[in-house]
PDB file of N, CA and C in Angstrom:
ATOM      1  N   MET A   1      23.561  19.725   3.612  1.00  0.00           N
ATOM      2  CA  MET A   1      22.722  19.091   2.721  1.00  0.00           C
ATOM      3  C   MET A   1      21.513  20.100   2.497  1.00  0.00           C
ATOM      4  N   GLU A   2      21.134  20.223   1.247  1.00  0.00           N
ATOM      5  CA  GLU A   2      20.114  21.120   0.874  1.00  0.00           C
ATOM      6  C   GLU A   2      19.161  20.335   0.122  1.00  0.00           C
ATOM      7  N   SER A   3      17.775  20.361   0.402  1.00  0.00           N
ATOM      8  CA  SER A   3      16.896  19.650  -0.372  1.00  0.00           C
ATOM      9  C   SER A   3      15.768  20.774  -0.906  1.00  0.00           C
ATOM     10  N   SER A   4      15.146  20.403  -1.589  1.00  0.00           N
ATOM     11  CA  SER A   4      13.876  21.130  -2.136  1.00  0.00           C
ATOM     12  C   SER A   4      12.948  20.101  -2.976  1.00  0.00           C
ATOM     13  N   ILE A   5      11.715  20.093  -2.421  1.00  0.00           N
ATOM     14  CA  ILE A   5      10.709  19.168  -2.933  1.00  0.00           C
ATOM     15  C   ILE A   5       9.775  19.963  -3.897  1.00  0.00           C
ATOM     16  N   GLY A   6       9.554  19.654  -4.885  1.00  0.00           N
ATOM     17  CA  GLY A   6       8.822  20.212  -5.876  1.00  0.00           C
ATOM     18  C   GLY A   6       7.685  19.157  -6.197  1.00  0.00           C
ATOM     19  N   ARG A   7       6.648  19.571  -6.959  1.00  0.00           N
ATOM     20  CA  ARG A   7       5.475  18.538  -7.317  1.00  0.00           C
ATOM     21  C   ARG A   7       6.217  17.502  -8.259  1.00  0.00           C
ATOM     22  N   GLY A   8       6.204  16.193  -7.642  1.00  0.00           N
ATOM     23  CA  GLY A   8       6.914  15.111  -8.296  1.00  0.00           C
ATOM     24  C   GLY A   8       8.262  14.972  -8.439  1.00  0.00           C
ATOM     25  N   ARG A   9       9.179  16.034  -7.861  1.00  0.00           N
ATOM     26  CA  ARG A   9      10.585  15.715  -8.065  1.00  0.00           C
ATOM     27  C   ARG A   9      11.350  16.197  -6.722  1.00  0.00           C
ATOM     28  N   VAL A  10      12.410  15.755  -6.568  1.00  0.00           N
ATOM     29  CA  VAL A  10      13.242  16.047  -5.384  1.00  0.00           C
ATOM     30  C   VAL A  10      14.418  16.561  -5.904  1.00  0.00           C
ATOM     31  N   ALA A  11      15.091  17.658  -5.548  1.00  0.00           N
ATOM     32  CA  ALA A  11      16.380  18.343  -5.821  1.00  0.00           C
ATOM     33  C   ALA A  11      17.184  18.080  -4.553  1.00  0.00           C
ATOM     34  N   ARG A  12      18.326  17.609  -4.582  1.00  0.00           N
ATOM     35  CA  ARG A  12      19.163  17.453  -3.202  1.00  0.00           C
ATOM     36  C   ARG A  12      20.635  17.598  -3.719  1.00  0.00           C
ATOM     37  N   SER A  13      21.348  18.012  -2.652  1.00  0.00           N
ATOM     38  CA  SER A  13      22.660  18.104  -2.680  1.00  0.00           C
ATOM     39  C   SER A  13      23.338  17.400  -1.538  1.00  0.00           C
ATOM     40  N   GLY A  14      24.461  16.832  -1.509  1.00  0.00           N
ATOM     41  CA  GLY A  14      24.877  16.188  -0.246  1.00  0.00           C
ATOM     42  C   GLY A  14      24.631  14.667  -0.272  1.00  0.00           C
ATOM     43  N   GLU A  15      25.011  14.121   0.895  1.00  0.00           N
ATOM     44  CA  GLU A  15      24.939  12.663   1.143  1.00  0.00           C
ATOM     45  C   GLU A  15      24.159  12.249   2.204  1.00  0.00           C
ATOM     46  N   GLY A  16      23.701  11.075   2.364  1.00  0.00           N
ATOM     47  CA  GLY A  16      23.408  10.648   3.722  1.00  0.00           C
ATOM     48  C   GLY A  16      21.794  10.594   4.067  1.00  0.00           C
ATOM     49  N   PHE A  17      21.601  10.412   5.319  1.00  0.00           N
ATOM     50  CA  PHE A  17      20.240  10.430   5.653  1.00  0.00           C
ATOM     51  C   PHE A  17      19.244  11.288   5.195  1.00  0.00           C
ATOM     52  N   GLU A  18      19.529  12.654   5.113  1.00  0.00           N
ATOM     53  CA  GLU A  18      18.727  13.700   4.737  1.00  0.00           C
ATOM     54  C   GLU A  18      18.262  13.557   3.405  1.00  0.00           C
ATOM     55  N   SER A  19      18.984  12.926   2.464  1.00  0.00           N
ATOM     56  CA  SER A  19      18.541  12.499   1.203  1.00  0.00           C
ATOM     57  C   SER A  19      17.331  11.662   1.040  1.00  0.00           C
ATOM     58  N   ALA A  20      17.412  10.588   2.011  1.00  0.00           N
ATOM     59  CA  ALA A  20      16.425   9.641   2.197  1.00  0.00           C
ATOM     60  C   ALA A  20      15.099  10.292   2.727  1.00  0.00           C
ATOM     61  N   VAL A  21      15.418  11.163   3.839  1.00  0.00           N
ATOM     62  CA  VAL A  21      14.047  11.884   4.260  1.00  0.00           C
ATOM     63  C   VAL A  21      13.357  12.731   3.216  1.00  0.00           C
ATOM     64  N   ALA A  22      14.180  13.456   2.502  1.00  0.00           N
ATOM     65  CA  ALA A  22      13.563  14.268   1.412  1.00  0.00           C
ATOM     66  C   ALA A  22      12.806  13.427   0.464  1.00  0.00           C
ATOM     67  N   TYR A  23      13.242  12.276   0.074  1.00  0.00           N
ATOM     68  CA  TYR A  23      12.689  11.504  -0.954  1.00  0.00           C
ATOM     69  C   TYR A  23      11.407  10.930  -0.293  1.00  0.00           C
ATOM     70  N   ALA A  24      11.306  10.465   0.940  1.00  0.00           N
ATOM     71  CA  ALA A  24      10.218   9.795   1.569  1.00  0.00           C
ATOM     72  C   ALA A  24       9.166  10.811   1.643  1.00  0.00           C
ATOM     73  N   VAL A  25       9.381  12.187   1.960  1.00  0.00           N
ATOM     74  CA  VAL A  25       8.542  13.263   2.105  1.00  0.00           C
ATOM     75  C   VAL A  25       7.601  13.379   0.620  1.00  0.00           C
ATOM     76  N   ALA A  26       8.528  13.343  -0.405  1.00  0.00           N
ATOM     77  CA  ALA A  26       7.965  13.479  -1.705  1.00  0.00           C
ATOM     78  C   ALA A  26       7.085  12.350  -1.966  1.00  0.00           C
ATOM     79  N   GLU A  27       7.421  11.340  -1.435  1.00  0.00           N
ATOM     80  CA  GLU A  27       6.529  10.097  -1.776  1.00  0.00           C
ATOM     81  C   GLU A  27       5.179  10.028  -0.968  1.00  0.00           C
ATOM     82  N   LYS A  28       5.139  10.843   0.083  1.00  0.00           N
ATOM     83  CA  LYS A  28       3.932  10.698   0.793  1.00  0.00           C
ATOM     84  C   LYS A  28       2.776  11.125   0.109  1.00  0.00           C
ATOM     85  N   THR A  29       2.911  11.828  -1.117  1.00  0.00           N
ATOM     86  CA  THR A  29       1.613  12.197  -1.795  1.00  0.00           C
ATOM     87  C   THR A  29       1.117  11.176  -2.627  1.00  0.00           C
ATOM     88  N   THR A  30       1.734   9.946  -2.826  1.00  0.00           N
ATOM     89  CA  THR A  30       1.170   8.878  -3.599  1.00  0.00           C
ATOM     90  C   THR A  30      -0.147   8.322  -3.030  1.00  0.00           C
ATOM     91  N   ASN A  31      -1.060   8.160  -3.901  1.00  0.00           N
ATOM     92  CA  ASN A  31      -2.363   7.670  -3.543  1.00  0.00           C
ATOM     93  C   ASN A  31      -2.259   5.993  -3.168  1.00  0.00           C
ATOM     94  N   GLN A  32      -2.957   5.728  -2.219  1.00  0.00           N
ATOM     95  CA  GLN A  32      -2.957   4.352  -1.718  1.00  0.00           C
ATOM     96  C   GLN A  32      -4.054   3.359  -2.449  1.00  0.00           C
ATOM     97  N   ALA A  33      -4.002   2.188  -2.418  1.00  0.00           N
ATOM     98  CA  ALA A  33      -4.835   1.487  -3.144  1.00  0.00           C
ATOM     99  C   ALA A  33      -4.976  -0.010  -2.415  1.00  0.00           C
ATOM    100  N   LEU A  34      -6.133  -0.450  -2.433  1.00  0.00           N
ATOM    101  CA  LEU A  34      -6.286  -1.832  -1.945  1.00  0.00           C
ATOM    102  C   LEU A  34      -6.477  -2.921  -3.174  1.00  0.00           C
ATOM    103  N   VAL A  35      -5.695  -4.050  -3.082  1.00  0.00           N
ATOM    104  CA  VAL A  35      -5.816  -4.995  -3.870  1.00  0.00           C
ATOM    105  C   VAL A  35      -6.519  -6.268  -3.141  1.00  0.00           C
ATOM    106  N   VAL A  36      -7.720  -6.745  -3.570  1.00  0.00           N
ATOM    107  CA  VAL A  36      -8.357  -7.847  -3.055  1.00  0.00           C
ATOM    108  C   VAL A  36      -8.517  -9.099  -4.040  1.00  0.00           C
ATOM    109  N   VAL A  37      -8.821 -10.129  -3.480  1.00  0.00           N
ATOM    110  CA  VAL A  37      -9.120 -11.255  -4.329  1.00  0.00           C
ATOM    111  C   VAL A  37     -10.757 -11.189  -4.726  1.00  0.00           C
ATOM    112  N   LYS A  38     -10.986 -11.331  -6.024  1.00  0.00           N
ATOM    113  CA  LYS A  38     -12.424 -11.240  -6.566  1.00  0.00           C
ATOM    114  C   LYS A  38     -13.249 -12.152  -5.733  1.00  0.00           C
ATOM    115  N   GLY A  39     -14.591 -11.837  -5.290  1.00  0.00           N
ATOM    116  CA  GLY A  39     -15.481 -12.598  -4.949  1.00  0.00           C
ATOM    117  C   GLY A  39     -15.455 -12.826  -3.407  1.00  0.00           C
ATOM    118  N   THR A  40     -14.395 -12.130  -2.706  1.00  0.00           N
ATOM    119  CA  THR A  40     -14.334 -12.290  -1.268  1.00  0.00           C
ATOM    120  C   THR A  40     -15.175 -11.225  -0.571  1.00  0.00           C
ATOM    121  N   ALA A  41     -15.395 -11.314   0.702  1.00  0.00           N
ATOM    122  CA  ALA A  41     -16.271 -10.382   1.422  1.00  0.00           C
ATOM    123  C   ALA A  41     -15.618  -8.885   1.491  1.00  0.00           C
ATOM    124  N   ILE A  42     -14.285  -8.789   1.634  1.00  0.00           N
ATOM    125  CA  ILE A  42     -13.679  -7.521   1.560  1.00  0.00           C
ATOM    126  C   ILE A  42     -13.891  -6.903   0.307  1.00  0.00           C
ATOM    127  N   ALA A  43     -14.057  -7.571  -0.820  1.00  0.00           N
ATOM    128  CA  ALA A  43     -14.110  -6.924  -2.189  1.00  0.00           C
ATOM    129  C   ALA A  43     -15.486  -6.123  -2.172  1.00  0.00           C
ATOM    130  N   LYS A  44     -16.454  -6.391  -1.343  1.00  0.00           N
ATOM    131  CA  LYS A  44     -17.638  -5.545  -1.178  1.00  0.00           C
ATOM    132  C   LYS A  44     -17.629  -4.431  -0.343  1.00  0.00           C
ATOM    133  N   ALA A  45     -16.411  -4.089   0.165  1.00  0.00           N
ATOM    134  CA  ALA A  45     -16.136  -2.933   1.057  1.00  0.00           C
ATOM    135  C   ALA A  45     -16.646  -1.748   0.192  1.00  0.00           C
ATOM    136  N   LYS A  46     -17.283  -0.676   0.709  1.00  0.00           N
ATOM    137  CA  LYS A  46     -17.551   0.501   0.228  1.00  0.00           C
ATOM    138  C   LYS A  46     -16.903   1.813   0.679  1.00  0.00           C
ATOM    139  N   SER A  47     -16.276   1.560   1.903  1.00  0.00           N
ATOM    140  CA  SER A  47     -15.614   2.631   2.485  1.00  0.00           C
ATOM    141  C   SER A  47     -14.339   2.159   3.364  1.00  0.00           C
ATOM    142  N   ILE A  48     -13.518   3.233   3.746  1.00  0.00           N
ATOM    143  CA  ILE A  48     -12.404   2.975   4.734  1.00  0.00           C
ATOM    144  C   ILE A  48     -12.919   2.169   5.966  1.00  0.00           C
ATOM    145  N   ALA A  49     -14.012   2.547   6.358  1.00  0.00           N
ATOM    146  CA  ALA A  49     -14.585   1.947   7.723  1.00  0.00           C
ATOM    147  C   ALA A  49     -14.773   0.524   7.572  1.00  0.00           C
ATOM    148  N   ASP A  50     -15.429   0.273   6.262  1.00  0.00           N
ATOM    149  CA  ASP A  50     -15.530  -1.250   6.109  1.00  0.00           C
ATOM    150  C   ASP A  50     -14.451  -2.139   6.125  1.00  0.00           C
ATOM    151  N   LEU A  51     -13.091  -1.607   6.055  1.00  0.00           N
ATOM    152  CA  LEU A  51     -11.953  -2.473   6.210  1.00  0.00           C
ATOM    153  C   LEU A  51     -11.523  -2.836   7.516  1.00  0.00           C
ATOM    154  N   LYS A  52     -12.065  -2.246   8.544  1.00  0.00           N
ATOM    155  CA  LYS A  52     -11.407  -2.405   9.785  1.00  0.00           C
ATOM    156  C   LYS A  52     -11.460  -3.796  10.232  1.00  0.00           C
ATOM    157  N   PRO A  53     -12.420  -4.723  10.101  1.00  0.00           N
ATOM    158  CA  PRO A  53     -12.378  -6.022  10.624  1.00  0.00           C
ATOM    159  C   PRO A  53     -11.613  -7.041   9.743  1.00  0.00           C
ATOM    160  N   TYR A  54     -10.853  -6.627   8.613  1.00  0.00           N
ATOM    161  CA  TYR A  54     -10.137  -7.552   7.913  1.00  0.00           C
ATOM    162  C   TYR A  54      -8.668  -7.419   8.123  1.00  0.00           C
ATOM    163  N   LYS A  55      -8.029  -8.714   7.822  1.00  0.00           N
ATOM    164  CA  LYS A  55      -6.555  -8.863   7.828  1.00  0.00           C
ATOM    165  C   LYS A  55      -6.031  -8.149   6.724  1.00  0.00           C
ATOM    166  N   LEU A  56      -5.261  -7.031   6.725  1.00  0.00           N
ATOM    167  CA  LEU A  56      -4.591  -6.336   5.597  1.00  0.00           C
ATOM    168  C   LEU A  56      -3.092  -6.789   5.630  1.00  0.00           C
ATOM    169  N   GLY A  57      -2.589  -6.669   4.490  1.00  0.00           N
ATOM    170  CA  GLY A  57      -1.232  -6.954   4.340  1.00  0.00           C
ATOM    171  C   GLY A  57      -0.480  -5.736   3.784  1.00  0.00           C
ATOM    172  N   VAL A  58       0.745  -5.606   4.065  1.00  0.00           N
ATOM    173  CA  VAL A  58       1.619  -4.392   3.654  1.00  0.00           C
ATOM    174  C   VAL A  58       3.059  -4.742   3.720  1.00  0.00           C
ATOM    175  N   GLN A  59       3.837  -4.018   2.875  1.00  0.00           N
ATOM    176  CA  GLN A  59       5.290  -4.052   2.940  1.00  0.00           C
ATOM    177  C   GLN A  59       5.768  -3.106   4.014  1.00  0.00           C
ATOM    178  N   LEU A  60       6.756  -3.651   4.954  1.00  0.00           N
ATOM    179  CA  LEU A  60       7.277  -2.792   5.985  1.00  0.00           C
ATOM    180  C   LEU A  60       7.883  -1.603   5.582  1.00  0.00           C
ATOM    181  N   GLY A  61       7.760  -0.360   6.443  1.00  0.00           N
ATOM    182  CA  GLY A  61       8.467   0.713   5.997  1.00  0.00           C
ATOM    183  C   GLY A  61       8.179   1.427   4.846  1.00  0.00           C
ATOM    184  N   THR A  62       6.795   1.356   4.446  1.00  0.00           N
ATOM    185  CA  THR A  62       6.170   2.038   3.291  1.00  0.00           C
ATOM    186  C   THR A  62       5.143   3.097   3.714  1.00  0.00           C
ATOM    187  N   THR A  63       4.809   3.800   2.752  1.00  0.00           N
ATOM    188  CA  THR A  63       3.571   4.842   3.027  1.00  0.00           C
ATOM    189  C   THR A  63       2.392   4.065   3.299  1.00  0.00           C
ATOM    190  N   SER A  64       2.231   2.838   2.682  1.00  0.00           N
ATOM    191  CA  SER A  64       1.089   2.204   2.718  1.00  0.00           C
ATOM    192  C   SER A  64       0.850   1.535   3.982  1.00  0.00           C
ATOM    193  N   TYR A  65       2.076   1.284   4.871  1.00  0.00           N
ATOM    194  CA  TYR A  65       2.003   0.810   6.309  1.00  0.00           C
ATOM    195  C   TYR A  65       1.418   1.911   6.977  1.00  0.00           C
ATOM    196  N   ASP A  66       1.931   3.178   6.771  1.00  0.00           N
ATOM    197  CA  ASP A  66       1.546   4.272   7.622  1.00  0.00           C
ATOM    198  C   ASP A  66      -0.149   4.645   7.339  1.00  0.00           C
ATOM    199  N   PHE A  67      -0.439   4.401   6.055  1.00  0.00           N
ATOM    200  CA  PHE A  67      -1.750   4.470   5.649  1.00  0.00           C
ATOM    201  C   PHE A  67      -2.758   3.552   6.507  1.00  0.00           C
ATOM    202  N   ILE A  68      -2.363   2.246   6.577  1.00  0.00           N
ATOM    203  CA  ILE A  68      -3.141   1.279   7.508  1.00  0.00           C
ATOM    204  C   ILE A  68      -3.257   1.731   8.886  1.00  0.00           C
ATOM    205  N   LYS A  69      -2.086   2.176   9.564  1.00  0.00           N
ATOM    206  CA  LYS A  69      -2.121   2.372  10.784  1.00  0.00           C
ATOM    207  C   LYS A  69      -2.777   3.738  11.187  1.00  0.00           C
ATOM    208  N   ASP A  70      -2.697   4.754  10.341  1.00  0.00           N
ATOM    209  CA  ASP A  70      -3.143   6.111  10.614  1.00  0.00           C
ATOM    210  C   ASP A  70      -4.463   6.271  10.050  1.00  0.00           C
ATOM    211  N   ASN A  71      -4.972   5.699   9.068  1.00  0.00           N
ATOM    212  CA  ASN A  71      -6.289   5.895   8.466  1.00  0.00           C
ATOM    213  C   ASN A  71      -7.297   4.820   8.630  1.00  0.00           C
ATOM    214  N   ILE A  72      -6.836   3.598   8.209  1.00  0.00           N
ATOM    215  CA  ILE A  72      -7.876   2.411   8.217  1.00  0.00           C
ATOM    216  C   ILE A  72      -7.984   1.962   9.793  1.00  0.00           C
ATOM    217  N   GLN A  73      -6.896   1.902  10.468  1.00  0.00           N
ATOM    218  CA  GLN A  73      -6.875   1.608  11.996  1.00  0.00           C
ATOM    219  C   GLN A  73      -7.606   0.334  12.129  1.00  0.00           C
ATOM    220  N   PRO A  74      -7.329  -0.777  11.484  1.00  0.00           N
ATOM    221  CA  PRO A  74      -7.992  -2.090  11.554  1.00  0.00           C
ATOM    222  C   PRO A  74      -8.000  -2.748  12.933  1.00  0.00           C
ATOM    223  N   SER A  75      -8.935  -3.660  13.144  1.00  0.00           N
ATOM    224  CA  SER A  75      -8.909  -4.260  14.379  1.00  0.00           C
ATOM    225  C   SER A  75      -7.987  -5.563  14.663  1.00  0.00           C
ATOM    226  N   LYS A  76      -7.547  -5.842  13.385  1.00  0.00           N
ATOM    227  CA  LYS A  76      -6.484  -6.946  13.300  1.00  0.00           C
ATOM    228  C   LYS A  76      -5.216  -6.342  13.026  1.00  0.00           C
ATOM    229  N   GLN A  77      -3.981  -6.820  13.719  1.00  0.00           N
ATOM    230  CA  GLN A  77      -2.719  -6.360  13.152  1.00  0.00           C
ATOM    231  C   GLN A  77      -2.557  -6.614  11.837  1.00  0.00           C
ATOM    232  N   PRO A  78      -1.990  -5.751  10.993  1.00  0.00           N
ATOM    233  CA  PRO A  78      -1.747  -6.128   9.541  1.00  0.00           C
ATOM    234  C   PRO A  78      -0.556  -7.022   9.438  1.00  0.00           C
ATOM    235  N   GLY A  79      -0.678  -7.845   8.359  1.00  0.00           N
ATOM    236  CA  GLY A  79       0.453  -8.731   8.202  1.00  0.00           C
ATOM    237  C   GLY A  79       1.608  -7.961   7.447  1.00  0.00           C
ATOM    238  N   VAL A  80       2.691  -7.922   7.929  1.00  0.00           N
ATOM    239  CA  VAL A  80       3.739  -7.037   7.384  1.00  0.00           C
ATOM    240  C   VAL A  80       4.853  -8.000   6.962  1.00  0.00           C
ATOM    241  N   PHE A  81       5.420  -7.397   5.558  1.00  0.00           N
ATOM    242  CA  PHE A  81       6.222  -8.270   4.875  1.00  0.00           C
ATOM    243  C   PHE A  81       7.381  -7.451   4.483  1.00  0.00           C
ATOM    244  N   ASP A  82       8.479  -8.102   4.255  1.00  0.00           N
ATOM    245  CA  ASP A  82       9.805  -7.421   3.839  1.00  0.00           C
ATOM    246  C   ASP A  82       9.833  -6.983   2.517  1.00  0.00           C
ATOM    247  N   ALA A  83       8.827  -7.641   1.635  1.00  0.00           N
ATOM    248  CA  ALA A  83       8.779  -7.336   0.145  1.00  0.00           C
ATOM    249  C   ALA A  83       7.333  -7.474  -0.365  1.00  0.00           C
ATOM    250  N   ASN A  84       7.024  -6.613  -1.352  1.00  0.00           N
ATOM    251  CA  ASN A  84       5.582  -6.880  -1.937  1.00  0.00           C
ATOM    252  C   ASN A  84       5.335  -8.308  -2.565  1.00  0.00           C
ATOM    253  N   ASP A  85       6.470  -8.959  -3.183  1.00  0.00           N
ATOM    254  CA  ASP A  85       6.173 -10.193  -3.510  1.00  0.00           C
ATOM    255  C   ASP A  85       5.630 -11.267  -2.629  1.00  0.00           C
ATOM    256  N   ALA A  86       6.204 -10.952  -1.320  1.00  0.00           N
ATOM    257  CA  ALA A  86       5.880 -11.898  -0.312  1.00  0.00           C
ATOM    258  C   ALA A  86       4.202 -11.645   0.167  1.00  0.00           C
ATOM    259  N   ALA A  87       3.939 -10.405   0.144  1.00  0.00           N
ATOM    260  CA  ALA A  87       2.661  -9.890   0.448  1.00  0.00           C
ATOM    261  C   ALA A  87       1.587 -10.371  -0.550  1.00  0.00           C
ATOM    262  N   VAL A  88       2.035 -10.302  -1.898  1.00  0.00           N
ATOM    263  CA  VAL A  88       1.142 -10.925  -2.872  1.00  0.00           C
ATOM    264  C   VAL A  88       0.860 -12.258  -2.757  1.00  0.00           C
ATOM    265  N   GLN A  89       2.060 -12.984  -2.521  1.00  0.00           N
ATOM    266  CA  GLN A  89       1.929 -14.558  -2.383  1.00  0.00           C
ATOM    267  C   GLN A  89       1.011 -14.707  -1.278  1.00  0.00           C
ATOM    268  N   SER A  90       0.934 -14.119  -0.096  1.00  0.00           N
ATOM    269  CA  SER A  90      -0.075 -14.128   0.926  1.00  0.00           C
ATOM    270  C   SER A  90      -1.430 -13.818   0.631  1.00  0.00           C
ATOM    271  N   LEU A  91      -1.685 -12.958  -0.183  1.00  0.00           N
ATOM    272  CA  LEU A  91      -2.996 -12.618  -0.795  1.00  0.00           C
ATOM    273  C   LEU A  91      -3.425 -13.713  -1.464  1.00  0.00           C
ATOM    274  N   LYS A  92      -2.588 -14.305  -2.502  1.00  0.00           N
ATOM    275  CA  LYS A  92      -2.965 -15.490  -3.296  1.00  0.00           C
ATOM    276  C   LYS A  92      -3.301 -16.567  -2.445  1.00  0.00           C
ATOM    277  N   ASN A  93      -2.588 -16.869  -1.304  1.00  0.00           N
ATOM    278  CA  ASN A  93      -2.867 -17.943  -0.548  1.00  0.00           C
ATOM    279  C   ASN A  93      -3.913 -17.786   0.580  1.00  0.00           C
ATOM    280  N   LYS A  94      -4.577 -16.424   0.613  1.00  0.00           N
ATOM    281  CA  LYS A  94      -5.709 -16.244   1.342  1.00  0.00           C
ATOM    282  C   LYS A  94      -5.259 -16.057   2.738  1.00  0.00           C
ATOM    283  N   LYS A  95      -3.895 -15.725   3.200  1.00  0.00           N
ATOM    284  CA  LYS A  95      -3.468 -15.557   4.438  1.00  0.00           C
ATOM    285  C   LYS A  95      -3.796 -14.102   4.909  1.00  0.00           C
ATOM    286  N   ILE A  96      -4.027 -13.068   4.018  1.00  0.00           N
ATOM    287  CA  ILE A  96      -4.510 -11.797   4.373  1.00  0.00           C
ATOM    288  C   ILE A  96      -5.640 -11.384   3.156  1.00  0.00           C
ATOM    289  N   ASP A  97      -6.523 -10.633   3.809  1.00  0.00           N
ATOM    290  CA  ASP A  97      -7.696 -10.489   2.961  1.00  0.00           C
ATOM    291  C   ASP A  97      -7.595  -9.371   1.949  1.00  0.00           C
ATOM    292  N   GLY A  98      -6.574  -8.423   2.099  1.00  0.00           N
ATOM    293  CA  GLY A  98      -6.396  -7.343   1.170  1.00  0.00           C
ATOM    294  C   GLY A  98      -4.947  -6.908   1.254  1.00  0.00           C
ATOM    295  N   LEU A  99      -4.466  -6.406   0.175  1.00  0.00           N
ATOM    296  CA  LEU A  99      -3.064  -5.869   0.019  1.00  0.00           C
ATOM    297  C   LEU A  99      -3.169  -4.226  -0.094  1.00  0.00           C
ATOM    298  N   VAL A 100      -2.500  -3.601   0.852  1.00  0.00           N
ATOM    299  CA  VAL A 100      -2.447  -2.042   0.743  1.00  0.00           C
ATOM    300  C   VAL A 100      -1.177  -1.822   0.059  1.00  0.00           C
ATOM    301  N   VAL A 101      -1.130  -1.038  -1.090  1.00  0.00           N
ATOM    302  CA  VAL A 101       0.102  -0.617  -1.851  1.00  0.00           C
ATOM    303  C   VAL A 101      -0.164   0.770  -2.449  1.00  0.00           C
ATOM    304  N   ASP A 102       0.758   1.414  -2.953  1.00  0.00           N
ATOM    305  CA  ASP A 102       0.692   2.697  -3.685  1.00  0.00           C
ATOM    306  C   ASP A 102      -0.101   2.324  -4.940  1.00  0.00           C
ATOM    307  N   LEU A 103      -0.762   3.243  -5.407  1.00  0.00           N
ATOM    308  CA  LEU A 103      -1.661   3.047  -6.639  1.00  0.00           C
ATOM    309  C   LEU A 103      -0.831   2.466  -7.885  1.00  0.00           C
ATOM    310  N   PRO A 104       0.397   3.062  -8.217  1.00  0.00           N
ATOM    311  CA  PRO A 104       1.126   2.344  -9.226  1.00  0.00           C
ATOM    312  C   PRO A 104       1.527   0.889  -9.188  1.00  0.00           C
ATOM    313  N   ALA A 105       1.739   0.630  -7.933  1.00  0.00           N
ATOM    314  CA  ALA A 105       2.094  -0.771  -7.554  1.00  0.00           C
ATOM    315  C   ALA A 105       0.934  -1.665  -7.634  1.00  0.00           C
ATOM    316  N   ALA A 106      -0.378  -1.023  -7.405  1.00  0.00           N
ATOM    317  CA  ALA A 106      -1.705  -1.786  -7.468  1.00  0.00           C
ATOM    318  C   ALA A 106      -2.002  -2.147  -8.860  1.00  0.00           C
ATOM    319  N   PHE A 107      -1.743  -1.207  -9.776  1.00  0.00           N
ATOM    320  CA  PHE A 107      -1.840  -1.582 -11.205  1.00  0.00           C
ATOM    321  C   PHE A 107      -0.877  -2.844 -11.716  1.00  0.00           C
ATOM    322  N   PHE A 108       0.189  -2.782 -11.229  1.00  0.00           N
ATOM    323  CA  PHE A 108       1.177  -3.818 -11.518  1.00  0.00           C
ATOM    324  C   PHE A 108       0.684  -5.124 -10.944  1.00  0.00           C
ATOM    325  N   VAL A 109       0.178  -5.169  -9.734  1.00  0.00           N
ATOM    326  CA  VAL A 109      -0.111  -6.526  -9.002  1.00  0.00           C
ATOM    327  C   VAL A 109      -1.452  -6.863  -9.854  1.00  0.00           C
ATOM    328  N   THR A 110      -2.355  -6.020 -10.025  1.00  0.00           N
ATOM    329  CA  THR A 110      -3.521  -6.596 -10.628  1.00  0.00           C
ATOM    330  C   THR A 110      -3.499  -6.948 -12.148  1.00  0.00           C
ATOM    331  N   ALA A 111      -2.445  -6.345 -12.824  1.00  0.00           N
ATOM    332  CA  ALA A 111      -2.188  -6.516 -14.220  1.00  0.00           C
ATOM    333  C   ALA A 111      -1.186  -7.689 -14.399  1.00  0.00           C
ATOM    334  N   VAL A 112      -0.239  -7.832 -13.621  1.00  0.00           N
ATOM    335  CA  VAL A 112       0.897  -8.912 -13.726  1.00  0.00           C
ATOM    336  C   VAL A 112       0.927  -9.978 -12.765  1.00  0.00           C
ATOM    337  N   GLN A 113       0.787  -9.685 -11.481  1.00  0.00           N
ATOM    338  CA  GLN A 113       1.093 -10.669 -10.430  1.00  0.00           C
ATOM    339  C   GLN A 113      -0.273 -11.456 -10.182  1.00  0.00           C
ATOM    340  N   VAL A 114      -1.330 -10.874 -10.254  1.00  0.00           N
ATOM    341  CA  VAL A 114      -2.525 -11.669  -9.775  1.00  0.00           C
ATOM    342  C   VAL A 114      -3.707 -11.170 -10.693  1.00  0.00           C
ATOM    343  N   PRO A 115      -3.506 -11.230 -12.178  1.00  0.00           N
ATOM    344  CA  PRO A 115      -4.474 -10.635 -12.986  1.00  0.00           C
ATOM    345  C   PRO A 115      -5.815 -11.013 -13.125  1.00  0.00           C
ATOM    346  N   SER A 116      -6.095 -12.370 -12.918  1.00  0.00           N
ATOM    347  CA  SER A 116      -7.453 -12.831 -13.232  1.00  0.00           C
ATOM    348  C   SER A 116      -8.254 -12.960 -11.993  1.00  0.00           C
ATOM    349  N   ASP A 117      -7.418 -12.881 -10.764  1.00  0.00           N
ATOM    350  CA  ASP A 117      -8.231 -13.173  -9.607  1.00  0.00           C
ATOM    351  C   ASP A 117      -8.416 -11.794  -8.600  1.00  0.00           C
ATOM    352  N   SER A 118      -7.811 -10.734  -9.087  1.00  0.00           N
ATOM    353  CA  SER A 118      -7.680  -9.581  -8.116  1.00  0.00           C
ATOM    354  C   SER A 118      -8.388  -8.392  -8.601  1.00  0.00           C
ATOM    355  N   GLU A 119      -8.745  -7.546  -7.761  1.00  0.00           N
ATOM    356  CA  GLU A 119      -9.508  -6.201  -8.367  1.00  0.00           C
ATOM    357  C   GLU A 119      -9.117  -5.149  -7.355  1.00  0.00           C
ATOM    358  N   LEU A 120      -9.256  -3.870  -7.900  1.00  0.00           N
ATOM    359  CA  LEU A 120      -9.232  -2.782  -7.063  1.00  0.00           C
ATOM    360  C   LEU A 120     -10.464  -2.145  -6.575  1.00  0.00           C
ATOM    361  N   PRO A 121     -11.042  -2.332  -5.490  1.00  0.00           N
ATOM    362  CA  PRO A 121     -12.402  -1.825  -5.114  1.00  0.00           C
ATOM    363  C   PRO A 121     -12.291  -0.238  -5.186  1.00  0.00           C
ATOM    364  N   HIS A 122     -13.422   0.458  -5.451  1.00  0.00           N
ATOM    365  CA  HIS A 122     -13.488   1.872  -5.418  1.00  0.00           C
ATOM    366  C   HIS A 122     -14.184   2.369  -4.353  1.00  0.00           C
ATOM    367  N   PHE A 123     -13.773   3.354  -3.732  1.00  0.00           N
ATOM    368  CA  PHE A 123     -14.312   3.964  -2.546  1.00  0.00           C
ATOM    369  C   PHE A 123     -14.707   5.409  -3.042  1.00  0.00           C
ATOM    370  N   GLY A 124     -15.946   5.925  -2.391  1.00  0.00           N
ATOM    371  CA  GLY A 124     -16.246   7.358  -2.629  1.00  0.00           C
ATOM    372  C   GLY A 124     -17.519   7.484  -2.598  1.00  0.00           C
TER     373      GLY A 124
END
């Protein structure tokens, strides 16, 4: 199995586990985003440190999960879901305070799944 990872693309030959690993490495560069319900306390967060006391949700086995554990390091265990749809529903039902997803997924969540009640806080 040979793999080469370029900016935004993966070239691979062969079959099996190595292909999945090469793809995951390429995905690691995707920016992470936080989706929250408008008007909630977490929507006022100004930094990553401000997110520590909140219950965050994430899809299991994603770069977003790694981002929560490695960077945010919240005081509460994150809500872990098998699929983003379940995580979005939990956000709508206020079982979690915020949902961490890759930036492209965040645009979809805020535009389609929870368009009038969600927002993407900006940090910086």
